Amino acid sequence: MIGPDVQNVQLKQMQEAASVQSAAAGQSMREMLEESDANLLVVIKDMRAAARVADDSNDPGTVDLFSKIVQIHEKHEWFIREVLKCKDGLES
């Protein structure tokens, strides 16, 4: 959005470059939640690293933005982890 030389990027290219994985066909509910939990941990780790880069670059606004978003993702990860612990009807 910043410059005039925007490259056309296909969704498939973005998925191939992503650190997280898309759900596979035929997964059980438990497998999908486990994958979601693993993906959230990757996102949290990457956002913390980006916040460190922003901090090293003396950019407190970006650090604050990442900090708030990381907190939200950490809450989601905690919730999914707790659901997985309960084993209340989730397929194994």
Protein backbone atom coordinates (compact mmCIF):
# COMPACT_ATOMS: atom_id res chain seq x y z
CA MET A 1 0.00 0.00 0.00
CA ILE A 2 2.94 2.34 0.55
CA GLY A 3 4.52 2.38 -2.89
CA PRO A 4 3.50 2.28 -6.53
CA ASP A 5 5.24 -1.06 -7.19
CA VAL A 6 2.77 -3.41 -5.51
CA GLN A 7 3.34 -7.01 -6.54
CA ASN A 8 0.45 -9.30 -7.29
CA VAL A 9 0.65 -12.06 -4.69
CA GLN A 10 -1.61 -15.10 -4.88
CA LEU A 11 -3.13 -16.66 -1.74
CA LYS A 12 -1.27 -19.90 -2.50
CA GLN A 13 2.06 -18.03 -2.45
CA MET A 14 1.21 -16.50 0.91
CA GLN A 15 0.26 -19.91 2.34
CA GLU A 16 3.49 -21.46 1.09
CA ALA A 17 5.55 -18.70 2.73
CA ALA A 18 3.60 -18.75 6.00
CA SER A 19 5.03 -20.08 9.25
CA VAL A 20 1.67 -21.60 10.21
CA GLN A 21 -0.13 -24.49 8.55
CA SER A 22 -3.63 -24.69 7.11
CA ALA A 23 -5.92 -27.45 8.32
CA ALA A 24 -5.80 -30.69 6.39
CA ALA A 25 -8.91 -32.48 5.20
CA GLY A 26 -10.35 -35.14 7.48
CA GLN A 27 -8.89 -33.88 10.76
CA SER A 28 -10.70 -34.57 14.00
CA MET A 29 -11.80 -31.71 16.23
CA ARG A 30 -8.92 -32.47 18.61
CA GLU A 31 -6.38 -32.43 15.77
CA MET A 32 -7.70 -29.09 14.54
CA LEU A 33 -7.46 -27.60 18.03
CA GLU A 34 -3.95 -29.01 18.49
CA GLU A 35 -2.92 -27.49 15.17
CA SER A 36 -4.54 -24.19 16.11
CA ASP A 37 -2.63 -24.18 19.40
CA ALA A 38 0.66 -24.91 17.63
CA ASN A 39 -0.03 -22.14 15.08
CA LEU A 40 -0.80 -19.63 17.84
CA LEU A 41 2.50 -20.45 19.53
CA VAL A 42 4.33 -19.75 16.25
CA VAL A 43 2.49 -16.44 15.80
CA ILE A 44 3.22 -15.39 19.40
CA LYS A 45 6.90 -16.23 19.01
CA ASP A 46 7.15 -14.29 15.73
CA MET A 47 5.32 -11.27 17.16
CA ARG A 48 7.60 -11.18 20.19
CA ALA A 49 10.60 -11.24 17.85
CA ALA A 50 9.10 -8.40 15.80
CA ALA A 51 8.50 -6.41 18.99
CA ARG A 52 12.18 -6.85 19.90
CA VAL A 53 13.19 -5.54 16.47
CA ALA A 54 10.87 -2.55 16.90
CA ASP A 55 12.29 -1.92 20.37
CA ASP A 56 15.85 -2.09 19.03
CA SER A 57 14.78 0.43 16.37
CA ASN A 58 13.42 2.77 19.05
CA ASP A 59 9.81 2.43 17.82
CA PRO A 60 7.65 2.36 20.97
CA GLY A 61 4.37 2.63 19.03
CA THR A 62 5.00 -0.60 17.16
CA VAL A 63 6.20 -2.30 20.35
CA ASP A 64 2.93 -1.29 22.04
CA LEU A 65 0.88 -2.57 19.09
CA PHE A 66 2.64 -5.95 19.11
CA SER A 67 2.38 -6.16 22.89
CA LYS A 68 -1.39 -5.73 22.82
CA ILE A 69 -1.87 -8.23 20.01
CA VAL A 70 0.42 -10.79 21.70
CA GLN A 71 -1.70 -10.54 24.85
CA ILE A 72 -4.83 -11.36 22.86
CA HIS A 73 -3.17 -14.34 21.15
CA GLU A 74 -1.79 -15.59 24.48
CA LYS A 75 -5.31 -15.59 25.92
CA HIS A 76 -6.58 -17.53 22.90
CA GLU A 77 -3.73 -20.04 23.20
CA TRP A 78 -4.41 -20.49 26.92
CA PHE A 79 -8.11 -21.11 26.20
CA ILE A 80 -7.39 -23.73 23.53
CA ARG A 81 -4.82 -25.42 25.78
CA GLU A 82 -7.41 -25.62 28.59
CA VAL A 83 -10.03 -27.07 26.22
CA LEU A 84 -7.53 -29.72 25.12
CA LYS A 85 -6.81 -30.62 28.77
CA CYS A 86 -10.51 -31.21 29.55
CA LYS A 87 -10.99 -34.03 27.02
CA ASP A 88 -14.74 -33.52 27.31
CA GLY A 89 -16.06 -35.15 24.18
CA LEU A 90 -13.23 -34.18 21.83
CA GLU A 91 -12.32 -36.96 19.47
CA SER A 92 -8.88 -38.37 20.09
